[in-house]
Amino acid sequence: MNPSMSISATKISAFLMEFDNNYNISIDEVIAFSKVNKSILSSPDNRLSGLEVKKIIEAAKSLTKDSYIGLHQGQRLSKGFSNILGYVLMNCSTLKECWTKYCRYEKLIDSTSASSFELLKNKAVLNNITLDPSLKDNIQFSDFKLSGMLSYIKLLCGKNIQLIEVHFTHSKPKNICEYEKVFQSNLLFEKASNALIFNSNLLSTPVLEPNKSLLHLFEKNANTAIEELNTNACYNDKVTKIITEELLKSNLISIETIAKKLSLSVRSLQLHLHKENTSYAELLKDTRKNIAVNYLTNPNITIAEIAYVLGFSEVSAFHRTFKSWTGLTPAKFRLKHKTF
């Protein structure tokens, strides 16, 4: 199991929360139907690949016949926390501190996607994009992540937070009534990332009964766990993840900065990548290409916006580079892969 693209057993157990009560189906039945190793959830230290998670989600949807199971199970996360990330969040002082630390420690429970937190004028934006190819187009997974993040907010501050907008990367379903019930907000589909957007004034909302001493203790444990994950991950995946996270924030990161983030010299990082038959330049090219291809399938994102996000100074430079990657210009690629 490559921990750099995996999900903790506790996260999947949370997805399957209260199946007996709500669907009259046991977790064992879901796991058996999915044909995933039945012992996978036996220990909170176990981690699942994106493909295993996909099989479990599809099995759950088939057995329950609930087309909105991602939304519904995300709502049920408000029953409580069951992992180190949750314990860190519970002991933060404000929602702003919560989401800063959520983005920092998210990989402890889920490294198949990446979250970023930013302020845009009077809006706070919590973005999340799926990185694992097995889960990238899985609507239930995306909905579970967004619905779950909203549940965390309610649980942490003990009140409902009015959202301004909610963004989804997937296309608009024929019926969005369930989405409206869950989010009670303006819903926008086929966006560049999944996102919860709310008024930045709400960031100062206090968390219920925070404890600084416990926060320090849990963060110490979280940092140790992060170090273990990073140690076990290959450098190919470490660098790709950092490049992806930075590009999604419109930052074109250098190998010097990546090496610093990994506490390595540039030469050491180059040697590690060479042993894995790759290089910084190759990973940067592949990551930019993958993001470009993903964005071009979304008609709501302009080619100029894609060029900017990927760090090209001019749209013409992006056109030339993309054609060298695929043999097609961005416009022709978009037309060829247009969905009706």
C-alpha atoms as a PDB file:
ATOM      1  CA  MET A   1       0.000   0.000   0.000  1.00  0.00           C
ATOM      2  CA  ASN A   2       1.394   3.378  -1.014  1.00  0.00           C
ATOM      3  CA  PRO A   3       0.413   5.707   1.866  1.00  0.00           C
ATOM      4  CA  SER A   4       0.779   8.830  -0.285  1.00  0.00           C
ATOM      5  CA  MET A   5      -2.450   7.922  -2.090  1.00  0.00           C
ATOM      6  CA  SER A   6      -4.632   6.210   0.494  1.00  0.00           C
ATOM      7  CA  ILE A   7      -7.431   6.645   3.021  1.00  0.00           C
ATOM      8  CA  SER A   8      -7.402   5.565   6.646  1.00  0.00           C
ATOM      9  CA  ALA A   9      -9.678   2.780   7.828  1.00  0.00           C
ATOM     10  CA  THR A  10     -11.264   5.209  10.311  1.00  0.00           C
ATOM     11  CA  LYS A  11     -12.431   7.442   7.447  1.00  0.00           C
ATOM     12  CA  ILE A  12     -14.112   4.562   5.641  1.00  0.00           C
ATOM     13  CA  SER A  13     -15.633   3.347   8.900  1.00  0.00           C
ATOM     14  CA  ALA A  14     -17.093   6.847   9.232  1.00  0.00           C
ATOM     15  CA  PHE A  15     -18.522   6.580   5.715  1.00  0.00           C
ATOM     16  CA  LEU A  16     -20.230   3.336   6.747  1.00  0.00           C
ATOM     17  CA  MET A  17     -21.498   4.837  10.019  1.00  0.00           C
ATOM     18  CA  GLU A  18     -24.914   3.609  11.228  1.00  0.00           C
ATOM     19  CA  PHE A  19     -25.554   1.414   8.187  1.00  0.00           C
ATOM     20  CA  ASP A  20     -27.380  -1.068  10.404  1.00  0.00           C
ATOM     21  CA  ASN A  21     -29.772   1.576  11.728  1.00  0.00           C
ATOM     22  CA  ASN A  22     -30.338   3.574   8.541  1.00  0.00           C
ATOM     23  CA  TYR A  23     -30.272   0.902   5.849  1.00  0.00           C
ATOM     24  CA  ASN A  24     -30.656  -2.358   7.777  1.00  0.00           C
ATOM     25  CA  ILE A  25     -27.418  -3.511   6.151  1.00  0.00           C
ATOM     26  CA  SER A  26     -24.320  -4.482   8.086  1.00  0.00           C
ATOM     27  CA  ILE A  27     -20.857  -3.148   7.348  1.00  0.00           C
ATOM     28  CA  ASP A  28     -19.704  -6.757   6.875  1.00  0.00           C
ATOM     29  CA  GLU A  29     -22.273  -7.161   4.094  1.00  0.00           C
ATOM     30  CA  VAL A  30     -20.974  -4.066   2.321  1.00  0.00           C
ATOM     31  CA  ILE A  31     -17.358  -5.213   2.558  1.00  0.00           C
ATOM     32  CA  ALA A  32     -18.250  -8.708   1.333  1.00  0.00           C
ATOM     33  CA  PHE A  33     -20.214  -7.286  -1.609  1.00  0.00           C
ATOM     34  CA  SER A  34     -17.294  -5.016  -2.520  1.00  0.00           C
ATOM     35  CA  LYS A  35     -14.903  -8.005  -2.626  1.00  0.00           C
ATOM     36  CA  VAL A  36     -12.368  -5.973  -0.650  1.00  0.00           C
ATOM     37  CA  ASN A  37     -10.329  -7.852   1.987  1.00  0.00           C
ATOM     38  CA  LYS A  38     -12.719  -8.314   4.925  1.00  0.00           C
ATOM     39  CA  SER A  39     -10.011  -7.489   7.485  1.00  0.00           C
ATOM     40  CA  ILE A  40      -9.331  -4.052   5.982  1.00  0.00           C
ATOM     41  CA  LEU A  41     -11.331  -2.199   8.649  1.00  0.00           C
ATOM     42  CA  SER A  42     -10.115  -4.319  11.554  1.00  0.00           C
ATOM     43  CA  SER A  43      -7.457  -1.815  12.606  1.00  0.00           C
ATOM     44  CA  PRO A  44      -7.540   2.009  12.571  1.00  0.00           C
ATOM     45  CA  ASP A  45      -3.922   1.894  11.337  1.00  0.00           C
ATOM     46  CA  ASN A  46      -4.912   0.170   8.095  1.00  0.00           C
ATOM     47  CA  ARG A  47      -5.069   2.249   4.918  1.00  0.00           C
ATOM     48  CA  LEU A  48      -7.082   1.625   1.762  1.00  0.00           C
ATOM     49  CA  SER A  49      -6.202   2.422  -1.837  1.00  0.00           C
ATOM     50  CA  GLY A  50      -8.444   4.653  -3.909  1.00  0.00           C
ATOM     51  CA  LEU A  51      -9.622   1.601  -5.859  1.00  0.00           C
ATOM     52  CA  GLU A  52     -10.630  -0.219  -2.664  1.00  0.00           C
ATOM     53  CA  VAL A  53     -12.539   2.843  -1.478  1.00  0.00           C
ATOM     54  CA  LYS A  54     -14.284   3.096  -4.837  1.00  0.00           C
ATOM     55  CA  LYS A  55     -15.384  -0.553  -4.603  1.00  0.00           C
ATOM     56  CA  ILE A  56     -16.772  -0.011  -1.091  1.00  0.00           C
ATOM     57  CA  ILE A  57     -18.671   3.126  -2.115  1.00  0.00           C
ATOM     58  CA  GLU A  58     -20.144   1.393  -5.158  1.00  0.00           C
ATOM     59  CA  ALA A  59     -21.111  -1.614  -3.056  1.00  0.00           C
ATOM     60  CA  ALA A  60     -22.800   0.632  -0.488  1.00  0.00           C
ATOM     61  CA  LYS A  61     -24.724   2.477  -3.186  1.00  0.00           C
ATOM     62  CA  SER A  62     -25.844  -0.783  -4.845  1.00  0.00           C
ATOM     63  CA  LEU A  63     -26.989  -2.422  -1.610  1.00  0.00           C
ATOM     64  CA  THR A  64     -28.779   0.632  -0.221  1.00  0.00           C
ATOM     65  CA  LYS A  65     -30.135   1.875  -3.572  1.00  0.00           C
ATOM     66  CA  ASP A  66     -29.446   5.361  -2.189  1.00  0.00           C
ATOM     67  CA  SER A  67     -28.348   7.576  -5.086  1.00  0.00           C
ATOM     68  CA  TYR A  68     -27.284  10.276  -2.610  1.00  0.00           C
ATOM     69  CA  ILE A  69     -25.428   8.066  -0.180  1.00  0.00           C
ATOM     70  CA  GLY A  70     -22.364  10.332  -0.248  1.00  0.00           C
ATOM     71  CA  LEU A  71     -24.403  13.325   0.889  1.00  0.00           C
ATOM     72  CA  HIS A  72     -26.302  11.362   3.525  1.00  0.00           C
ATOM     73  CA  GLN A  73     -23.269   9.657   5.065  1.00  0.00           C
ATOM     74  CA  GLY A  74     -21.411  12.968   5.123  1.00  0.00           C
ATOM     75  CA  GLN A  75     -24.264  14.395   7.188  1.00  0.00           C
ATOM     76  CA  ARG A  76     -23.897  11.565   9.684  1.00  0.00           C
ATOM     77  CA  LEU A  77     -20.306  12.536  10.468  1.00  0.00           C
ATOM     78  CA  SER A  78     -21.851  15.064  12.839  1.00  0.00           C
ATOM     79  CA  LYS A  79     -22.262  12.185  15.290  1.00  0.00           C
ATOM     80  CA  GLY A  80     -18.661  12.737  16.369  1.00  0.00           C
ATOM     81  CA  PHE A  81     -14.960  12.360  15.626  1.00  0.00           C
ATOM     82  CA  SER A  82     -13.018   9.115  15.651  1.00  0.00           C
ATOM     83  CA  ASN A  83      -9.493   9.982  14.517  1.00  0.00           C
ATOM     84  CA  ILE A  84      -6.496  12.160  15.392  1.00  0.00           C
ATOM     85  CA  LEU A  85      -7.471  14.876  12.905  1.00  0.00           C
ATOM     86  CA  GLY A  86     -10.857  15.223  14.572  1.00  0.00           C
ATOM     87  CA  TYR A  87      -9.274  15.519  17.997  1.00  0.00           C
ATOM     88  CA  VAL A  88      -6.996  18.291  16.726  1.00  0.00           C
ATOM     89  CA  LEU A  89      -9.956  20.213  15.293  1.00  0.00           C
ATOM     90  CA  MET A  90     -12.022  19.852  18.471  1.00  0.00           C
ATOM     91  CA  ASN A  91      -9.359  21.642  20.495  1.00  0.00           C
ATOM     92  CA  CYS A  92      -8.739  24.592  18.166  1.00  0.00           C
ATOM     93  CA  SER A  93     -10.015  28.016  19.247  1.00  0.00           C
ATOM     94  CA  THR A  94     -11.787  29.235  16.089  1.00  0.00           C
ATOM     95  CA  LEU A  95     -13.007  27.940  12.745  1.00  0.00           C
ATOM     96  CA  LYS A  96     -10.081  29.688  11.070  1.00  0.00           C
ATOM     97  CA  GLU A  97      -7.615  27.730  13.171  1.00  0.00           C
ATOM     98  CA  CYS A  98      -9.603  24.551  12.493  1.00  0.00           C
ATOM     99  CA  TRP A  99      -9.392  24.810   8.717  1.00  0.00           C
ATOM    100  CA  THR A 100      -5.772  25.855   8.712  1.00  0.00           C
ATOM    101  CA  LYS A 101      -4.943  22.689  10.650  1.00  0.00           C
ATOM    102  CA  TYR A 102      -7.411  20.587   8.639  1.00  0.00           C
ATOM    103  CA  CYS A 103      -5.446  21.352   5.471  1.00  0.00           C
ATOM    104  CA  ARG A 104      -2.162  20.654   7.260  1.00  0.00           C
ATOM    105  CA  TYR A 105      -3.163  17.267   8.655  1.00  0.00           C
ATOM    106  CA  GLU A 106      -5.756  16.058   6.147  1.00  0.00           C
ATOM    107  CA  LYS A 107      -3.413  13.433   4.695  1.00  0.00           C
ATOM    108  CA  LEU A 108      -3.582  11.536   8.005  1.00  0.00           C
ATOM    109  CA  ILE A 109      -7.073  10.409   7.085  1.00  0.00           C
ATOM    110  CA  ASP A 110      -7.127  10.990   3.337  1.00  0.00           C
ATOM    111  CA  SER A 111      -4.224  11.570   0.971  1.00  0.00           C
ATOM    112  CA  THR A 112      -6.239  10.816  -2.177  1.00  0.00           C
ATOM    113  CA  SER A 113      -7.320  14.455  -2.261  1.00  0.00           C
ATOM    114  CA  ALA A 114      -5.895  17.832  -1.288  1.00  0.00           C
ATOM    115  CA  SER A 115      -7.592  20.722   0.515  1.00  0.00           C
ATOM    116  CA  SER A 116      -6.579  24.360   0.535  1.00  0.00           C
ATOM    117  CA  PHE A 117      -7.932  27.265   2.535  1.00  0.00           C
ATOM    118  CA  GLU A 118      -7.941  30.823   1.213  1.00  0.00           C
ATOM    119  CA  LEU A 119      -9.498  34.232   1.764  1.00  0.00           C
ATOM    120  CA  LEU A 120     -10.962  36.131  -1.212  1.00  0.00           C
ATOM    121  CA  LYS A 121     -12.100  39.615  -0.170  1.00  0.00           C
ATOM    122  CA  ASN A 122     -14.972  38.932   2.238  1.00  0.00           C
ATOM    123  CA  LYS A 123     -15.217  35.227   1.440  1.00  0.00           C
ATOM    124  CA  ALA A 124     -13.549  32.210   3.005  1.00  0.00           C
ATOM    125  CA  VAL A 125     -13.047  29.326   0.584  1.00  0.00           C
ATOM    126  CA  LEU A 126     -12.324  25.744   1.602  1.00  0.00           C
ATOM    127  CA  ASN A 127     -11.264  23.949  -1.602  1.00  0.00           C
ATOM    128  CA  ASN A 128     -10.830  20.242  -2.134  1.00  0.00           C
ATOM    129  CA  ILE A 129      -9.722  18.414  -5.258  1.00  0.00           C
ATOM    130  CA  THR A 130      -9.455  14.658  -5.730  1.00  0.00           C
ATOM    131  CA  LEU A 131      -6.008  13.490  -6.862  1.00  0.00           C
ATOM    132  CA  ASP A 132      -6.425   9.721  -7.013  1.00  0.00           C
ATOM    133  CA  PRO A 133      -7.488   8.612 -10.543  1.00  0.00           C
ATOM    134  CA  SER A 134      -9.708   5.856  -9.096  1.00  0.00           C
ATOM    135  CA  LEU A 135     -11.832   8.414  -7.209  1.00  0.00           C
ATOM    136  CA  LYS A 136     -11.477  11.492  -9.406  1.00  0.00           C
ATOM    137  CA  ASP A 137     -14.877  11.178 -11.091  1.00  0.00           C
ATOM    138  CA  ASN A 138     -16.696   9.482  -8.218  1.00  0.00           C
ATOM    139  CA  ILE A 139     -19.672  11.707  -7.362  1.00  0.00           C
ATOM    140  CA  GLN A 140     -20.430   9.916  -4.097  1.00  0.00           C
ATOM    141  CA  PHE A 141     -16.874  10.422  -2.848  1.00  0.00           C
ATOM    142  CA  SER A 142     -16.891  14.144  -3.689  1.00  0.00           C
ATOM    143  CA  ASP A 143     -20.299  14.619  -2.088  1.00  0.00           C
ATOM    144  CA  PHE A 144     -19.201  12.751   1.033  1.00  0.00           C
ATOM    145  CA  LYS A 145     -16.167  15.007   1.395  1.00  0.00           C
ATOM    146  CA  LEU A 146     -18.173  18.244   1.073  1.00  0.00           C
ATOM    147  CA  SER A 147     -21.110  17.126   3.183  1.00  0.00           C
ATOM    148  CA  GLY A 148     -18.692  15.801   5.782  1.00  0.00           C
ATOM    149  CA  MET A 149     -16.764  19.072   5.970  1.00  0.00           C
ATOM    150  CA  LEU A 150     -20.022  20.929   6.585  1.00  0.00           C
ATOM    151  CA  SER A 151     -20.873  18.426   9.327  1.00  0.00           C
ATOM    152  CA  TYR A 152     -17.509  19.103  10.947  1.00  0.00           C
ATOM    153  CA  ILE A 153     -18.264  22.834  11.003  1.00  0.00           C
ATOM    154  CA  LYS A 154     -21.613  22.285  12.711  1.00  0.00           C
ATOM    155  CA  LEU A 155     -20.112  19.873  15.219  1.00  0.00           C
ATOM    156  CA  LEU A 156     -17.151  22.100  16.049  1.00  0.00           C
ATOM    157  CA  CYS A 157     -19.032  25.325  16.709  1.00  0.00           C
ATOM    158  CA  GLY A 158     -22.414  23.934  17.728  1.00  0.00           C
ATOM    159  CA  LYS A 159     -24.337  25.977  15.187  1.00  0.00           C
ATOM    160  CA  ASN A 160     -25.349  26.014  11.552  1.00  0.00           C
ATOM    161  CA  ILE A 161     -23.093  28.115   9.317  1.00  0.00           C
ATOM    162  CA  GLN A 162     -24.831  29.787   6.393  1.00  0.00           C
ATOM    163  CA  LEU A 163     -22.895  29.084   3.214  1.00  0.00           C
ATOM    164  CA  ILE A 164     -22.692  31.525   0.307  1.00  0.00           C
ATOM    165  CA  GLU A 165     -21.985  28.927  -2.361  1.00  0.00           C
ATOM    166  CA  VAL A 166     -21.037  25.294  -2.760  1.00  0.00           C
ATOM    167  CA  HIS A 167     -18.983  24.157  -5.764  1.00  0.00           C
ATOM    168  CA  PHE A 168     -18.891  20.659  -7.233  1.00  0.00           C
ATOM    169  CA  THR A 169     -16.533  19.315  -9.881  1.00  0.00           C
ATOM    170  CA  HIS A 170     -19.155  16.892 -11.196  1.00  0.00           C
ATOM    171  CA  SER A 171     -22.035  17.760 -13.514  1.00  0.00           C
ATOM    172  CA  LYS A 172     -25.427  18.849 -12.207  1.00  0.00           C
ATOM    173  CA  PRO A 173     -27.708  15.914 -11.317  1.00  0.00           C
ATOM    174  CA  LYS A 174     -31.228  15.864 -12.717  1.00  0.00           C
ATOM    175  CA  ASN A 175     -32.627  16.287  -9.219  1.00  0.00           C
ATOM    176  CA  ILE A 176     -30.782  18.528  -6.758  1.00  0.00           C
ATOM    177  CA  CYS A 177     -33.382  18.564  -3.972  1.00  0.00           C
ATOM    178  CA  GLU A 178     -31.160  16.502  -1.657  1.00  0.00           C
ATOM    179  CA  TYR A 179     -28.265  18.879  -2.297  1.00  0.00           C
ATOM    180  CA  GLU A 180     -30.458  21.852  -1.425  1.00  0.00           C
ATOM    181  CA  LYS A 181     -31.547  20.177   1.829  1.00  0.00           C
ATOM    182  CA  VAL A 182     -27.992  19.454   2.898  1.00  0.00           C
ATOM    183  CA  PHE A 183     -26.269  22.702   1.926  1.00  0.00           C
ATOM    184  CA  GLN A 184     -29.115  25.278   1.878  1.00  0.00           C
ATOM    185  CA  SER A 185     -27.034  27.442  -0.416  1.00  0.00           C
ATOM    186  CA  ASN A 186     -26.365  28.421  -4.000  1.00  0.00           C
ATOM    187  CA  LEU A 187     -25.086  25.309  -5.799  1.00  0.00           C
ATOM    188  CA  LEU A 188     -22.692  25.471  -8.756  1.00  0.00           C
ATOM    189  CA  PHE A 189     -21.600  22.411 -10.715  1.00  0.00           C
ATOM    190  CA  GLU A 190     -18.741  21.589 -13.123  1.00  0.00           C
ATOM    191  CA  LYS A 191     -16.349  23.850 -11.222  1.00  0.00           C
ATOM    192  CA  ALA A 192     -12.569  23.542 -10.991  1.00  0.00           C
ATOM    193  CA  SER A 193     -12.683  22.191  -7.418  1.00  0.00           C
ATOM    194  CA  ASN A 194     -15.121  21.093  -4.751  1.00  0.00           C
ATOM    195  CA  ALA A 195     -15.543  23.982  -2.328  1.00  0.00           C
ATOM    196  CA  LEU A 196     -17.484  25.394   0.600  1.00  0.00           C
ATOM    197  CA  ILE A 197     -17.669  29.198   0.468  1.00  0.00           C
ATOM    198  CA  PHE A 198     -18.867  31.310   3.382  1.00  0.00           C
ATOM    199  CA  ASN A 199     -18.525  34.814   4.799  1.00  0.00           C
ATOM    200  CA  SER A 200     -15.015  35.387   6.164  1.00  0.00           C
ATOM    201  CA  ASN A 201     -16.483  36.991   9.311  1.00  0.00           C
ATOM    202  CA  LEU A 202     -17.549  33.507  10.378  1.00  0.00           C
ATOM    203  CA  LEU A 203     -13.924  32.421  10.705  1.00  0.00           C
ATOM    204  CA  SER A 204     -13.820  33.990  14.151  1.00  0.00           C
ATOM    205  CA  THR A 205     -16.647  31.696  15.310  1.00  0.00           C
ATOM    206  CA  PRO A 206     -15.400  29.977  18.488  1.00  0.00           C
ATOM    207  CA  VAL A 207     -15.098  26.217  18.771  1.00  0.00           C
ATOM    208  CA  LEU A 208     -16.969  24.548  21.620  1.00  0.00           C
ATOM    209  CA  GLU A 209     -14.761  23.909  24.675  1.00  0.00           C
ATOM    210  CA  PRO A 210     -11.266  24.052  23.129  1.00  0.00           C
ATOM    211  CA  ASN A 211      -8.308  22.898  25.192  1.00  0.00           C
ATOM    212  CA  LYS A 212      -4.858  24.298  24.326  1.00  0.00           C
ATOM    213  CA  SER A 213      -3.025  21.630  26.296  1.00  0.00           C
ATOM    214  CA  LEU A 214      -4.847  18.840  24.485  1.00  0.00           C
ATOM    215  CA  LEU A 215      -4.339  20.614  21.162  1.00  0.00           C
ATOM    216  CA  HIS A 216      -0.579  20.640  21.757  1.00  0.00           C
ATOM    217  CA  LEU A 217      -0.621  16.942  22.629  1.00  0.00           C
ATOM    218  CA  PHE A 218      -2.744  15.898  19.644  1.00  0.00           C
ATOM    219  CA  GLU A 219      -0.709  18.040  17.247  1.00  0.00           C
ATOM    220  CA  LYS A 220       2.470  16.404  18.506  1.00  0.00           C
ATOM    221  CA  ASN A 221       0.933  13.006  17.718  1.00  0.00           C
ATOM    222  CA  ALA A 222      -0.329  14.255  14.355  1.00  0.00           C
ATOM    223  CA  ASN A 223       3.113  15.555  13.358  1.00  0.00           C
ATOM    224  CA  THR A 224       4.686  12.228  14.274  1.00  0.00           C
ATOM    225  CA  ALA A 225       2.125  10.406  12.157  1.00  0.00           C
ATOM    226  CA  ILE A 226       2.731  12.793   9.241  1.00  0.00           C
ATOM    227  CA  GLU A 227       6.464  12.096   9.455  1.00  0.00           C
ATOM    228  CA  GLU A 228       5.794   8.349   9.307  1.00  0.00           C
ATOM    229  CA  LEU A 229       3.571   8.763   6.250  1.00  0.00           C
ATOM    230  CA  ASN A 230       6.191  10.892   4.527  1.00  0.00           C
ATOM    231  CA  THR A 231       8.908   8.373   5.340  1.00  0.00           C
ATOM    232  CA  ASN A 232       6.929   5.523   3.808  1.00  0.00           C
ATOM    233  CA  ALA A 233       5.886   7.436   0.687  1.00  0.00           C
ATOM    234  CA  CYS A 234       8.041   7.401  -2.441  1.00  0.00           C
ATOM    235  CA  TYR A 235       9.536  10.727  -3.515  1.00  0.00           C
ATOM    236  CA  ASN A 236       7.715  10.605  -6.834  1.00  0.00           C
ATOM    237  CA  ASP A 237       4.387  10.876  -5.015  1.00  0.00           C
ATOM    238  CA  LYS A 238       5.653  13.375  -2.444  1.00  0.00           C
ATOM    239  CA  VAL A 239       6.830  15.784  -5.130  1.00  0.00           C
ATOM    240  CA  THR A 240       3.742  15.290  -7.298  1.00  0.00           C
ATOM    241  CA  LYS A 241       1.470  16.049  -4.351  1.00  0.00           C
ATOM    242  CA  ILE A 242       3.347  19.249  -3.465  1.00  0.00           C
ATOM    243  CA  ILE A 243       3.366  20.422  -7.099  1.00  0.00           C
ATOM    244  CA  THR A 244      -0.378  19.732  -7.401  1.00  0.00           C
ATOM    245  CA  GLU A 245      -1.246  21.540  -4.194  1.00  0.00           C
ATOM    246  CA  GLU A 246       0.787  24.597  -5.208  1.00  0.00           C
ATOM    247  CA  LEU A 247      -0.552  24.731  -8.772  1.00  0.00           C
ATOM    248  CA  LEU A 248      -4.103  24.655  -7.424  1.00  0.00           C
ATOM    249  CA  LYS A 249      -3.162  27.809  -5.507  1.00  0.00           C
ATOM    250  CA  SER A 250      -1.729  29.297  -8.734  1.00  0.00           C
ATOM    251  CA  ASN A 251       1.842  28.892  -7.486  1.00  0.00           C
ATOM    252  CA  LEU A 252       4.531  27.478  -9.764  1.00  0.00           C
ATOM    253  CA  ILE A 253       6.878  25.836  -7.281  1.00  0.00           C
ATOM    254  CA  SER A 254      10.629  25.387  -7.797  1.00  0.00           C
ATOM    255  CA  ILE A 255      12.673  22.303  -6.994  1.00  0.00           C
ATOM    256  CA  GLU A 256      14.523  24.371  -4.366  1.00  0.00           C
ATOM    257  CA  THR A 257      11.255  25.066  -2.537  1.00  0.00           C
ATOM    258  CA  ILE A 258      10.160  21.433  -2.762  1.00  0.00           C
ATOM    259  CA  ALA A 259      13.494  20.243  -1.399  1.00  0.00           C
ATOM    260  CA  LYS A 260      13.146  22.671   1.502  1.00  0.00           C
ATOM    261  CA  LYS A 261       9.617  21.409   2.244  1.00  0.00           C
ATOM    262  CA  LEU A 262      10.992  17.861   2.342  1.00  0.00           C
ATOM    263  CA  SER A 263      13.991  18.881   4.479  1.00  0.00           C
ATOM    264  CA  LEU A 264      16.419  17.798   1.750  1.00  0.00           C
ATOM    265  CA  SER A 265      19.119  19.416  -0.320  1.00  0.00           C
ATOM    266  CA  VAL A 266      18.298  19.848  -3.986  1.00  0.00           C
ATOM    267  CA  ARG A 267      20.980  17.303  -4.879  1.00  0.00           C
ATOM    268  CA  SER A 268      19.565  14.710  -2.471  1.00  0.00           C
ATOM    269  CA  LEU A 269      16.069  15.162  -3.877  1.00  0.00           C
ATOM    270  CA  GLN A 270      17.382  14.793  -7.418  1.00  0.00           C
ATOM    271  CA  LEU A 271      19.144  11.552  -6.455  1.00  0.00           C
ATOM    272  CA  HIS A 272      15.991  10.150  -4.815  1.00  0.00           C
ATOM    273  CA  LEU A 273      13.959  10.931  -7.947  1.00  0.00           C
ATOM    274  CA  HIS A 274      16.665   9.474 -10.197  1.00  0.00           C
ATOM    275  CA  LYS A 275      16.454   6.192  -8.269  1.00  0.00           C
ATOM    276  CA  GLU A 276      12.722   6.188  -9.022  1.00  0.00           C
ATOM    277  CA  ASN A 277      13.429   6.787 -12.729  1.00  0.00           C
ATOM    278  CA  THR A 278      12.018  10.286 -12.836  1.00  0.00           C
ATOM    279  CA  SER A 279      12.960  13.946 -12.295  1.00  0.00           C
ATOM    280  CA  TYR A 280      11.476  17.197 -11.038  1.00  0.00           C
ATOM    281  CA  ALA A 281      11.055  18.442 -14.623  1.00  0.00           C
ATOM    282  CA  GLU A 282       9.246  15.248 -15.638  1.00  0.00           C
ATOM    283  CA  LEU A 283       6.907  15.345 -12.631  1.00  0.00           C
ATOM    284  CA  LEU A 284       6.155  19.039 -13.194  1.00  0.00           C
ATOM    285  CA  LYS A 285       5.347  18.369 -16.842  1.00  0.00           C
ATOM    286  CA  ASP A 286       3.104  15.387 -16.061  1.00  0.00           C
ATOM    287  CA  THR A 287       1.293  17.216 -13.257  1.00  0.00           C
ATOM    288  CA  ARG A 288       0.652  20.313 -15.376  1.00  0.00           C
ATOM    289  CA  LYS A 289      -0.529  18.123 -18.228  1.00  0.00           C
ATOM    290  CA  ASN A 290      -2.928  16.148 -16.009  1.00  0.00           C
ATOM    291  CA  ILE A 291      -4.402  19.314 -14.483  1.00  0.00           C
ATOM    292  CA  ALA A 292      -4.718  20.923 -17.919  1.00  0.00           C
ATOM    293  CA  VAL A 293      -6.520  17.905 -19.341  1.00  0.00           C
ATOM    294  CA  ASN A 294      -8.853  17.809 -16.336  1.00  0.00           C
ATOM    295  CA  TYR A 295      -9.656  21.520 -16.555  1.00  0.00           C
ATOM    296  CA  LEU A 296     -10.207  21.470 -20.322  1.00  0.00           C
ATOM    297  CA  THR A 297     -13.055  18.996 -19.882  1.00  0.00           C
ATOM    298  CA  ASN A 298     -14.808  21.660 -17.786  1.00  0.00           C
ATOM    299  CA  PRO A 299     -16.422  24.239 -20.133  1.00  0.00           C
ATOM    300  CA  ASN A 300     -16.743  26.790 -17.321  1.00  0.00           C
ATOM    301  CA  ILE A 301     -12.978  27.321 -17.063  1.00  0.00           C
ATOM    302  CA  THR A 302     -11.437  29.464 -19.798  1.00  0.00           C
ATOM    303  CA  ILE A 303      -8.195  28.512 -21.522  1.00  0.00           C
ATOM    304  CA  ALA A 304      -6.661  31.757 -20.265  1.00  0.00           C
ATOM    305  CA  GLU A 305      -7.566  30.807 -16.667  1.00  0.00           C
ATOM    306  CA  ILE A 306      -5.991  27.366 -17.111  1.00  0.00           C
ATOM    307  CA  ALA A 307      -2.791  28.921 -18.492  1.00  0.00           C
ATOM    308  CA  TYR A 308      -2.622  31.247 -15.478  1.00  0.00           C
ATOM    309  CA  VAL A 309      -3.166  28.470 -12.924  1.00  0.00           C
ATOM    310  CA  LEU A 310      -0.444  26.361 -14.551  1.00  0.00           C
ATOM    311  CA  GLY A 311       2.081  29.172 -14.369  1.00  0.00           C
ATOM    312  CA  PHE A 312       2.317  30.185 -18.019  1.00  0.00           C
ATOM    313  CA  SER A 313       3.079  33.879 -18.532  1.00  0.00           C
ATOM    314  CA  GLU A 314       1.191  33.942 -21.838  1.00  0.00           C
ATOM    315  CA  VAL A 315      -1.697  31.917 -23.273  1.00  0.00           C
ATOM    316  CA  SER A 316       0.315  31.369 -26.462  1.00  0.00           C
ATOM    317  CA  ALA A 317       3.021  29.608 -24.443  1.00  0.00           C
ATOM    318  CA  PHE A 318       0.406  27.298 -22.946  1.00  0.00           C
ATOM    319  CA  HIS A 319      -0.960  26.563 -26.448  1.00  0.00           C
ATOM    320  CA  ARG A 320       2.480  25.553 -27.732  1.00  0.00           C
ATOM    321  CA  THR A 321       3.298  23.442 -24.681  1.00  0.00           C
ATOM    322  CA  PHE A 322      -0.069  21.675 -24.581  1.00  0.00           C
ATOM    323  CA  LYS A 323       0.228  20.819 -28.284  1.00  0.00           C
ATOM    324  CA  SER A 324       3.660  19.316 -27.634  1.00  0.00           C
ATOM    325  CA  TRP A 325       2.053  17.158 -24.907  1.00  0.00           C
ATOM    326  CA  THR A 326      -1.012  15.932 -26.792  1.00  0.00           C
ATOM    327  CA  GLY A 327      -0.644  16.858 -30.468  1.00  0.00           C
ATOM    328  CA  LEU A 328      -3.690  19.114 -30.135  1.00  0.00           C
ATOM    329  CA  THR A 329      -4.180  22.754 -29.196  1.00  0.00           C
ATOM    330  CA  PRO A 330      -6.185  23.338 -26.001  1.00  0.00           C
ATOM    331  CA  ALA A 331      -9.188  24.507 -28.061  1.00  0.00           C
ATOM    332  CA  LYS A 332      -9.145  21.431 -30.315  1.00  0.00           C
ATOM    333  CA  PHE A 333      -8.676  19.126 -27.313  1.00  0.00           C
ATOM    334  CA  ARG A 334     -11.659  20.736 -25.572  1.00  0.00           C
ATOM    335  CA  LEU A 335     -13.816  20.401 -28.698  1.00  0.00           C
ATOM    336  CA  LYS A 336     -12.832  16.753 -29.164  1.00  0.00           C
ATOM    337  CA  HIS A 337     -13.681  15.890 -25.553  1.00  0.00           C
ATOM    338  CA  LYS A 338     -16.799  18.018 -25.291  1.00  0.00           C
ATOM    339  CA  THR A 339     -19.696  16.266 -23.565  1.00  0.00           C
ATOM    340  CA  PHE A 340     -23.276  16.918 -24.591  1.00  0.00           C
END
